[in-house]
Amino acid sequence: MSLQEQFEAAAKRLQDNASIADSIDDAKKLEIYALYKQGLIGDVNTERPGMLDFKGKAKWDAWSGKKGVAKEDAQKQYIELIEALLA
């Protein structure tokens, strides 16, 4: 199985285990989001959300924090994190 397929399988696994995903703390959710976006798209490519969009800013900041991480490395980290959470 290719890295891309493993990455997609890990994302599907998390989606299929929504009850577990709901119990994850916010900091870990932001880490998952940031690694997923970095692994899928690469460096952040949008403007930072406005002052009153607190959730959007937190997500953007988490993703921006992964700037420079190679997509493949982000995918590997994402897979490892999801495996650890769902083990």
PDB file of N, CA and C in Angstrom:
ATOM      1  N   MET A   1       0.848  -1.172   0.000  1.00  0.00           N
ATOM      2  CA  MET A   1       0.000   0.000   0.000  1.00  0.00           C
ATOM      3  C   MET A   1       0.898   1.242   0.000  1.00  0.00           C
ATOM      4  N   SER A   2       0.607   2.161  -0.893  1.00  0.00           N
ATOM      5  CA  SER A   2       1.410   3.385  -0.988  1.00  0.00           C
ATOM      6  C   SER A   2       1.161   4.295   0.209  1.00  0.00           C
ATOM      7  N   LEU A   3       2.046   5.242   0.400  1.00  0.00           N
ATOM      8  CA  LEU A   3       1.903   6.198   1.497  1.00  0.00           C
ATOM      9  C   LEU A   3       0.593   6.965   1.360  1.00  0.00           C
ATOM     10  N   GLN A   4       0.257   7.387   0.138  1.00  0.00           N
ATOM     11  CA  GLN A   4      -0.988   8.121  -0.096  1.00  0.00           C
ATOM     12  C   GLN A   4      -2.197   7.271   0.297  1.00  0.00           C
ATOM     13  N   GLU A   5      -2.173   6.004  -0.043  1.00  0.00           N
ATOM     14  CA  GLU A   5      -3.284   5.105   0.304  1.00  0.00           C
ATOM     15  C   GLU A   5      -3.375   4.904   1.811  1.00  0.00           C
ATOM     16  N   GLN A   6      -2.229   4.792   2.467  1.00  0.00           N
ATOM     17  CA  GLN A   6      -2.215   4.666   3.935  1.00  0.00           C
ATOM     18  C   GLN A   6      -2.775   5.926   4.586  1.00  0.00           C
ATOM     19  N   PHE A   7      -2.405   7.088   4.035  1.00  0.00           N
ATOM     20  CA  PHE A   7      -2.875   8.382   4.530  1.00  0.00           C
ATOM     21  C   PHE A   7      -4.398   8.463   4.408  1.00  0.00           C
ATOM     22  N   GLU A   8      -4.920   8.107   3.251  1.00  0.00           N
ATOM     23  CA  GLU A   8      -6.366   8.136   3.018  1.00  0.00           C
ATOM     24  C   GLU A   8      -7.083   7.125   3.908  1.00  0.00           C
ATOM     25  N   ALA A   9      -6.485   5.955   4.107  1.00  0.00           N
ATOM     26  CA  ALA A   9      -7.080   4.936   4.969  1.00  0.00           C
ATOM     27  C   ALA A   9      -7.134   5.412   6.421  1.00  0.00           C
ATOM     28  N   ALA A  10      -6.083   6.098   6.874  1.00  0.00           N
ATOM     29  CA  ALA A  10      -6.070   6.626   8.243  1.00  0.00           C
ATOM     30  C   ALA A  10      -7.154   7.687   8.416  1.00  0.00           C
ATOM     31  N   ALA A  11      -7.323   8.551   7.424  1.00  0.00           N
ATOM     32  CA  ALA A  11      -8.369   9.574   7.493  1.00  0.00           C
ATOM     33  C   ALA A  11      -9.751   8.926   7.540  1.00  0.00           C
ATOM     34  N   LYS A  12      -9.951   7.885   6.745  1.00  0.00           N
ATOM     35  CA  LYS A  12     -11.238   7.176   6.731  1.00  0.00           C
ATOM     36  C   LYS A  12     -11.485   6.486   8.061  1.00  0.00           C
ATOM     37  N   ARG A  13     -10.430   5.900   8.619  1.00  0.00           N
ATOM     38  CA  ARG A  13     -10.548   5.243   9.918  1.00  0.00           C
ATOM     39  C   ARG A  13     -10.984   6.212  11.006  1.00  0.00           C
ATOM     40  N   LEU A  14     -10.405   7.403  10.982  1.00  0.00           N
ATOM     41  CA  LEU A  14     -10.791   8.424  11.961  1.00  0.00           C
ATOM     42  C   LEU A  14     -12.238   8.836  11.746  1.00  0.00           C
ATOM     43  N   GLN A  15     -12.615   9.025  10.508  1.00  0.00           N
ATOM     44  CA  GLN A  15     -13.993   9.410  10.175  1.00  0.00           C
ATOM     45  C   GLN A  15     -14.975   8.324  10.615  1.00  0.00           C
ATOM     46  N   ASP A  16     -14.614   7.072  10.444  1.00  0.00           N
ATOM     47  CA  ASP A  16     -15.486   5.954  10.805  1.00  0.00           C
ATOM     48  C   ASP A  16     -15.586   5.756  12.316  1.00  0.00           C
ATOM     49  N   ASN A  17     -14.675   6.339  13.068  1.00  0.00           N
ATOM     50  CA  ASN A  17     -14.671   6.238  14.529  1.00  0.00           C
ATOM     51  C   ASN A  17     -14.976   7.597  15.152  1.00  0.00           C
ATOM     52  N   ALA A  18     -16.058   8.197  14.716  1.00  0.00           N
ATOM     53  CA  ALA A  18     -16.414   9.552  15.147  1.00  0.00           C
ATOM     54  C   ALA A  18     -16.584   9.655  16.657  1.00  0.00           C
ATOM     55  N   SER A  19     -17.068   8.606  17.296  1.00  0.00           N
ATOM     56  CA  SER A  19     -17.260   8.667  18.749  1.00  0.00           C
ATOM     57  C   SER A  19     -15.925   8.833  19.474  1.00  0.00           C
ATOM     58  N   ILE A  20     -14.891   8.180  18.975  1.00  0.00           N
ATOM     59  CA  ILE A  20     -13.553   8.341  19.554  1.00  0.00           C
ATOM     60  C   ILE A  20     -13.014   9.733  19.221  1.00  0.00           C
ATOM     61  N   ALA A  21     -13.231  10.151  17.983  1.00  0.00           N
ATOM     62  CA  ALA A  21     -12.746  11.461  17.546  1.00  0.00           C
ATOM     63  C   ALA A  21     -13.342  12.580  18.392  1.00  0.00           C
ATOM     64  N   ASP A  22     -14.607  12.427  18.792  1.00  0.00           N
ATOM     65  CA  ASP A  22     -15.255  13.455  19.608  1.00  0.00           C
ATOM     66  C   ASP A  22     -14.633  13.581  20.993  1.00  0.00           C
ATOM     67  N   SER A  23     -14.008  12.513  21.471  1.00  0.00           N
ATOM     68  CA  SER A  23     -13.434  12.541  22.818  1.00  0.00           C
ATOM     69  C   SER A  23     -11.994  13.066  22.846  1.00  0.00           C
ATOM     70  N   ILE A  24     -11.436  13.353  21.696  1.00  0.00           N
ATOM     71  CA  ILE A  24     -10.059  13.856  21.618  1.00  0.00           C
ATOM     72  C   ILE A  24     -10.026  15.323  22.039  1.00  0.00           C
ATOM     73  N   ASP A  25      -9.025  15.703  22.818  1.00  0.00           N
ATOM     74  CA  ASP A  25      -8.940  17.096  23.275  1.00  0.00           C
ATOM     75  C   ASP A  25      -8.634  18.033  22.100  1.00  0.00           C
ATOM     76  N   ASP A  26      -8.946  19.299  22.294  1.00  0.00           N
ATOM     77  CA  ASP A  26      -8.835  20.286  21.217  1.00  0.00           C
ATOM     78  C   ASP A  26      -7.424  20.425  20.662  1.00  0.00           C
ATOM     79  N   ALA A  27      -6.421  20.378  21.523  1.00  0.00           N
ATOM     80  CA  ALA A  27      -5.032  20.518  21.058  1.00  0.00           C
ATOM     81  C   ALA A  27      -4.673  19.378  20.111  1.00  0.00           C
ATOM     82  N   LYS A  28      -5.107  18.163  20.438  1.00  0.00           N
ATOM     83  CA  LYS A  28      -4.825  17.002  19.593  1.00  0.00           C
ATOM     84  C   LYS A  28      -5.608  17.105  18.287  1.00  0.00           C
ATOM     85  N   LYS A  29      -6.844  17.624  18.354  1.00  0.00           N
ATOM     86  CA  LYS A  29      -7.644  17.811  17.137  1.00  0.00           C
ATOM     87  C   LYS A  29      -6.962  18.801  16.194  1.00  0.00           C
ATOM     88  N   LEU A  30      -6.391  19.861  16.757  1.00  0.00           N
ATOM     89  CA  LEU A  30      -5.686  20.835  15.927  1.00  0.00           C
ATOM     90  C   LEU A  30      -4.448  20.214  15.288  1.00  0.00           C
ATOM     91  N   GLU A  31      -3.761  19.356  16.020  1.00  0.00           N
ATOM     92  CA  GLU A  31      -2.588  18.658  15.484  1.00  0.00           C
ATOM     93  C   GLU A  31      -3.010  17.742  14.331  1.00  0.00           C
ATOM     94  N   ILE A  32      -4.099  17.018  14.526  1.00  0.00           N
ATOM     95  CA  ILE A  32      -4.623  16.137  13.475  1.00  0.00           C
ATOM     96  C   ILE A  32      -4.981  16.959  12.243  1.00  0.00           C
ATOM     97  N   TYR A  33      -5.690  18.056  12.459  1.00  0.00           N
ATOM     98  CA  TYR A  33      -6.095  18.923  11.348  1.00  0.00           C
ATOM     99  C   TYR A  33      -4.877  19.454  10.588  1.00  0.00           C
ATOM    100  N   ALA A  34      -3.905  19.948  11.332  1.00  0.00           N
ATOM    101  CA  ALA A  34      -2.726  20.549  10.710  1.00  0.00           C
ATOM    102  C   ALA A  34      -1.944  19.518   9.896  1.00  0.00           C
ATOM    103  N   LEU A  35      -1.765  18.334  10.444  1.00  0.00           N
ATOM    104  CA  LEU A  35      -1.035  17.291   9.713  1.00  0.00           C
ATOM    105  C   LEU A  35      -1.814  16.834   8.487  1.00  0.00           C
ATOM    106  N   TYR A  36      -3.140  16.752   8.618  1.00  0.00           N
ATOM    107  CA  TYR A  36      -3.965  16.343   7.485  1.00  0.00           C
ATOM    108  C   TYR A  36      -3.854  17.360   6.349  1.00  0.00           C
ATOM    109  N   LYS A  37      -4.015  18.631   6.675  1.00  0.00           N
ATOM    110  CA  LYS A  37      -3.947  19.675   5.646  1.00  0.00           C
ATOM    111  C   LYS A  37      -2.551  19.757   5.032  1.00  0.00           C
ATOM    112  N   GLN A  38      -1.519  19.650   5.858  1.00  0.00           N
ATOM    113  CA  GLN A  38      -0.143  19.702   5.351  1.00  0.00           C
ATOM    114  C   GLN A  38       0.127  18.495   4.455  1.00  0.00           C
ATOM    115  N   GLY A  39      -0.388  17.343   4.850  1.00  0.00           N
ATOM    116  CA  GLY A  39      -0.203  16.138   4.058  1.00  0.00           C
ATOM    117  C   GLY A  39      -1.006  16.124   2.775  1.00  0.00           C
ATOM    118  N   LEU A  40      -2.138  16.803   2.785  1.00  0.00           N
ATOM    119  CA  LEU A  40      -3.012  16.836   1.615  1.00  0.00           C
ATOM    120  C   LEU A  40      -2.628  17.941   0.641  1.00  0.00           C
ATOM    121  N   ILE A  41      -2.368  19.146   1.174  1.00  0.00           N
ATOM    122  CA  ILE A  41      -2.167  20.331   0.337  1.00  0.00           C
ATOM    123  C   ILE A  41      -0.725  20.829   0.347  1.00  0.00           C
ATOM    124  N   GLY A  42      -0.088  20.747   1.492  1.00  0.00           N
ATOM    125  CA  GLY A  42       1.229  21.347   1.663  1.00  0.00           C
ATOM    126  C   GLY A  42       1.095  22.603   2.513  1.00  0.00           C
ATOM    127  N   ASP A  43       2.014  23.537   2.335  1.00  0.00           N
ATOM    128  CA  ASP A  43       1.996  24.768   3.138  1.00  0.00           C
ATOM    129  C   ASP A  43       0.675  25.519   2.993  1.00  0.00           C
ATOM    130  N   VAL A  44       0.300  26.188   4.081  1.00  0.00           N
ATOM    131  CA  VAL A  44      -0.947  26.949   4.105  1.00  0.00           C
ATOM    132  C   VAL A  44      -1.008  27.888   2.897  1.00  0.00           C
ATOM    133  N   ASN A  45      -2.173  27.933   2.245  1.00  0.00           N
ATOM    134  CA  ASN A  45      -2.297  28.690   0.998  1.00  0.00           C
ATOM    135  C   ASN A  45      -3.491  29.648   1.019  1.00  0.00           C
ATOM    136  N   THR A  46      -3.955  29.984   2.214  1.00  0.00           N
ATOM    137  CA  THR A  46      -5.091  30.891   2.348  1.00  0.00           C
ATOM    138  C   THR A  46      -4.731  32.023   3.307  1.00  0.00           C
ATOM    139  N   GLU A  47      -5.533  33.052   3.290  1.00  0.00           N
ATOM    140  CA  GLU A  47      -5.355  34.152   4.238  1.00  0.00           C
ATOM    141  C   GLU A  47      -5.820  33.719   5.620  1.00  0.00           C
ATOM    142  N   ARG A  48      -5.219  34.289   6.642  1.00  0.00           N
ATOM    143  CA  ARG A  48      -5.633  33.992   8.015  1.00  0.00           C
ATOM    144  C   ARG A  48      -7.050  34.540   8.222  1.00  0.00           C
ATOM    145  N   PRO A  49      -7.939  33.755   8.827  1.00  0.00           N
ATOM    146  CA  PRO A  49      -9.307  34.218   9.061  1.00  0.00           C
ATOM    147  C   PRO A  49      -9.357  35.481   9.913  1.00  0.00           C
ATOM    148  N   GLY A  50     -10.491  36.140   9.849  1.00  0.00           N
ATOM    149  CA  GLY A  50     -10.687  37.398  10.551  1.00  0.00           C
ATOM    150  C   GLY A  50     -10.669  37.277  12.064  1.00  0.00           C
ATOM    151  N   MET A  51     -10.654  38.433  12.687  1.00  0.00           N
ATOM    152  CA  MET A  51     -10.487  38.553  14.130  1.00  0.00           C
ATOM    153  C   MET A  51     -11.560  37.802  14.922  1.00  0.00           C
ATOM    154  N   LEU A  52     -12.773  37.722  14.433  1.00  0.00           N
ATOM    155  CA  LEU A  52     -13.855  37.108  15.199  1.00  0.00           C
ATOM    156  C   LEU A  52     -14.045  35.627  14.907  1.00  0.00           C
ATOM    157  N   ASP A  53     -13.289  35.081  13.989  1.00  0.00           N
ATOM    158  CA  ASP A  53     -13.369  33.656  13.658  1.00  0.00           C
ATOM    159  C   ASP A  53     -12.318  32.910  14.470  1.00  0.00           C
ATOM    160  N   PHE A  54     -12.625  32.679  15.746  1.00  0.00           N
ATOM    161  CA  PHE A  54     -11.655  32.090  16.666  1.00  0.00           C
ATOM    162  C   PHE A  54     -11.277  30.667  16.265  1.00  0.00           C
ATOM    163  N   LYS A  55     -12.269  29.868  15.909  1.00  0.00           N
ATOM    164  CA  LYS A  55     -12.008  28.485  15.514  1.00  0.00           C
ATOM    165  C   LYS A  55     -11.189  28.449  14.222  1.00  0.00           C
ATOM    166  N   GLY A  56     -11.563  29.268  13.257  1.00  0.00           N
ATOM    167  CA  GLY A  56     -10.839  29.331  11.982  1.00  0.00           C
ATOM    168  C   GLY A  56      -9.395  29.772  12.173  1.00  0.00           C
ATOM    169  N   LYS A  57      -9.188  30.741  13.049  1.00  0.00           N
ATOM    170  CA  LYS A  57      -7.824  31.214  13.315  1.00  0.00           C
ATOM    171  C   LYS A  57      -6.990  30.129  13.975  1.00  0.00           C
ATOM    172  N   ALA A  58      -7.577  29.400  14.915  1.00  0.00           N
ATOM    173  CA  ALA A  58      -6.846  28.333  15.596  1.00  0.00           C
ATOM    174  C   ALA A  58      -6.441  27.250  14.603  1.00  0.00           C
ATOM    175  N   LYS A  59      -7.348  26.892  13.713  1.00  0.00           N
ATOM    176  CA  LYS A  59      -7.048  25.879  12.702  1.00  0.00           C
ATOM    177  C   LYS A  59      -5.975  26.389  11.737  1.00  0.00           C
ATOM    178  N   TRP A  60      -6.105  27.635  11.303  1.00  0.00           N
ATOM    179  CA  TRP A  60      -5.132  28.216  10.369  1.00  0.00           C
ATOM    180  C   TRP A  60      -3.752  28.277  11.031  1.00  0.00           C
ATOM    181  N   ASP A  61      -3.714  28.711  12.285  1.00  0.00           N
ATOM    182  CA  ASP A  61      -2.439  28.816  13.001  1.00  0.00           C
ATOM    183  C   ASP A  61      -1.780  27.445  13.162  1.00  0.00           C
ATOM    184  N   ALA A  62      -2.585  26.422  13.459  1.00  0.00           N
ATOM    185  CA  ALA A  62      -2.038  25.068  13.603  1.00  0.00           C
ATOM    186  C   ALA A  62      -1.442  24.605  12.281  1.00  0.00           C
ATOM    187  N   TRP A  63      -2.164  24.812  11.191  1.00  0.00           N
ATOM    188  CA  TRP A  63      -1.677  24.404   9.873  1.00  0.00           C
ATOM    189  C   TRP A  63      -0.434  25.206   9.497  1.00  0.00           C
ATOM    190  N   SER A  64      -0.469  26.512   9.744  1.00  0.00           N
ATOM    191  CA  SER A  64       0.664  27.370   9.432  1.00  0.00           C
ATOM    192  C   SER A  64       1.913  26.936  10.209  1.00  0.00           C
ATOM    193  N   GLY A  65       1.704  26.372  11.391  1.00  0.00           N
ATOM    194  CA  GLY A  65       2.814  25.883  12.202  1.00  0.00           C
ATOM    195  C   GLY A  65       3.553  24.709  11.573  1.00  0.00           C
ATOM    196  N   LYS A  66       2.929  24.084  10.597  1.00  0.00           N
ATOM    197  CA  LYS A  66       3.560  22.952   9.894  1.00  0.00           C
ATOM    198  C   LYS A  66       4.272  23.402   8.617  1.00  0.00           C
ATOM    199  N   LYS A  67       4.335  24.697   8.400  1.00  0.00           N
ATOM    200  CA  LYS A  67       4.954  25.225   7.187  1.00  0.00           C
ATOM    201  C   LYS A  67       6.376  24.685   7.041  1.00  0.00           C
ATOM    202  N   GLY A  68       6.676  24.200   5.843  1.00  0.00           N
ATOM    203  CA  GLY A  68       7.994  23.673   5.558  1.00  0.00           C
ATOM    204  C   GLY A  68       8.117  22.170   5.738  1.00  0.00           C
ATOM    205  N   VAL A  69       7.123  21.542   6.383  1.00  0.00           N
ATOM    206  CA  VAL A  69       7.139  20.092   6.546  1.00  0.00           C
ATOM    207  C   VAL A  69       6.729  19.475   5.210  1.00  0.00           C
ATOM    208  N   ALA A  70       7.507  18.549   4.710  1.00  0.00           N
ATOM    209  CA  ALA A  70       7.195  17.898   3.435  1.00  0.00           C
ATOM    210  C   ALA A  70       5.862  17.163   3.548  1.00  0.00           C
ATOM    211  N   LYS A  71       5.113  17.142   2.444  1.00  0.00           N
ATOM    212  CA  LYS A  71       3.819  16.467   2.443  1.00  0.00           C
ATOM    213  C   LYS A  71       3.954  15.015   2.899  1.00  0.00           C
ATOM    214  N   GLU A  72       4.982  14.339   2.419  1.00  0.00           N
ATOM    215  CA  GLU A  72       5.180  12.927   2.778  1.00  0.00           C
ATOM    216  C   GLU A  72       5.445  12.771   4.273  1.00  0.00           C
ATOM    217  N   ASP A  73       6.236  13.674   4.843  1.00  0.00           N
ATOM    218  CA  ASP A  73       6.520  13.617   6.276  1.00  0.00           C
ATOM    219  C   ASP A  73       5.254  13.881   7.085  1.00  0.00           C
ATOM    220  N   ALA A  74       4.450  14.840   6.645  1.00  0.00           N
ATOM    221  CA  ALA A  74       3.188  15.140   7.327  1.00  0.00           C
ATOM    222  C   ALA A  74       2.247  13.938   7.248  1.00  0.00           C
ATOM    223  N   GLN A  75       2.219  13.274   6.101  1.00  0.00           N
ATOM    224  CA  GLN A  75       1.374  12.094   5.953  1.00  0.00           C
ATOM    225  C   GLN A  75       1.810  10.990   6.910  1.00  0.00           C
ATOM    226  N   LYS A  76       3.115  10.769   7.015  1.00  0.00           N
ATOM    227  CA  LYS A  76       3.633   9.747   7.927  1.00  0.00           C
ATOM    228  C   LYS A  76       3.274  10.080   9.374  1.00  0.00           C
ATOM    229  N   GLN A  77       3.463  11.345   9.764  1.00  0.00           N
ATOM    230  CA  GLN A  77       3.137  11.770  11.132  1.00  0.00           C
ATOM    231  C   GLN A  77       1.641  11.625  11.399  1.00  0.00           C
ATOM    232  N   TYR A  78       0.816  11.953  10.401  1.00  0.00           N
ATOM    233  CA  TYR A  78      -0.636  11.832  10.536  1.00  0.00           C
ATOM    234  C   TYR A  78      -1.022  10.371  10.760  1.00  0.00           C
ATOM    235  N   ILE A  79      -0.484   9.485   9.940  1.00  0.00           N
ATOM    236  CA  ILE A  79      -0.792   8.060  10.062  1.00  0.00           C
ATOM    237  C   ILE A  79      -0.408   7.545  11.438  1.00  0.00           C
ATOM    238  N   GLU A  80       0.792   7.906  11.904  1.00  0.00           N
ATOM    239  CA  GLU A  80       1.263   7.471  13.226  1.00  0.00           C
ATOM    240  C   GLU A  80       0.361   7.985  14.334  1.00  0.00           C
ATOM    241  N   LEU A  81      -0.065   9.242  14.229  1.00  0.00           N
ATOM    242  CA  LEU A  81      -0.924   9.841  15.245  1.00  0.00           C
ATOM    243  C   LEU A  81      -2.289   9.155  15.287  1.00  0.00           C
ATOM    244  N   ILE A  82      -2.875   8.919  14.131  1.00  0.00           N
ATOM    245  CA  ILE A  82      -4.182   8.273  14.080  1.00  0.00           C
ATOM    246  C   ILE A  82      -4.086   6.843  14.606  1.00  0.00           C
ATOM    247  N   GLU A  83      -3.033   6.127  14.219  1.00  0.00           N
ATOM    248  CA  GLU A  83      -2.838   4.756  14.711  1.00  0.00           C
ATOM    249  C   GLU A  83      -2.742   4.753  16.235  1.00  0.00           C
ATOM    250  N   ALA A  84      -2.013   5.699  16.795  1.00  0.00           N
ATOM    251  CA  ALA A  84      -1.851   5.773  18.254  1.00  0.00           C
ATOM    252  C   ALA A  84      -3.177   6.094  18.943  1.00  0.00           C
ATOM    253  N   LEU A  85      -3.962   6.985  18.356  1.00  0.00           N
ATOM    254  CA  LEU A  85      -5.227   7.384  18.964  1.00  0.00           C
ATOM    255  C   LEU A  85      -6.277   6.280  18.890  1.00  0.00           C
ATOM    256  N   LEU A  86      -6.257   5.526  17.820  1.00  0.00           N
ATOM    257  CA  LEU A  86      -7.287   4.509  17.608  1.00  0.00           C
ATOM    258  C   LEU A  86      -6.846   3.098  18.014  1.00  0.00           C
ATOM    259  N   ALA A  87      -5.663   2.999  18.598  1.00  0.00           N
ATOM    260  CA  ALA A  87      -5.146   1.671  18.986  1.00  0.00           C
ATOM    261  C   ALA A  87      -5.906   1.106  20.165  1.00  0.00           C
TER     262      ALA A  87
END
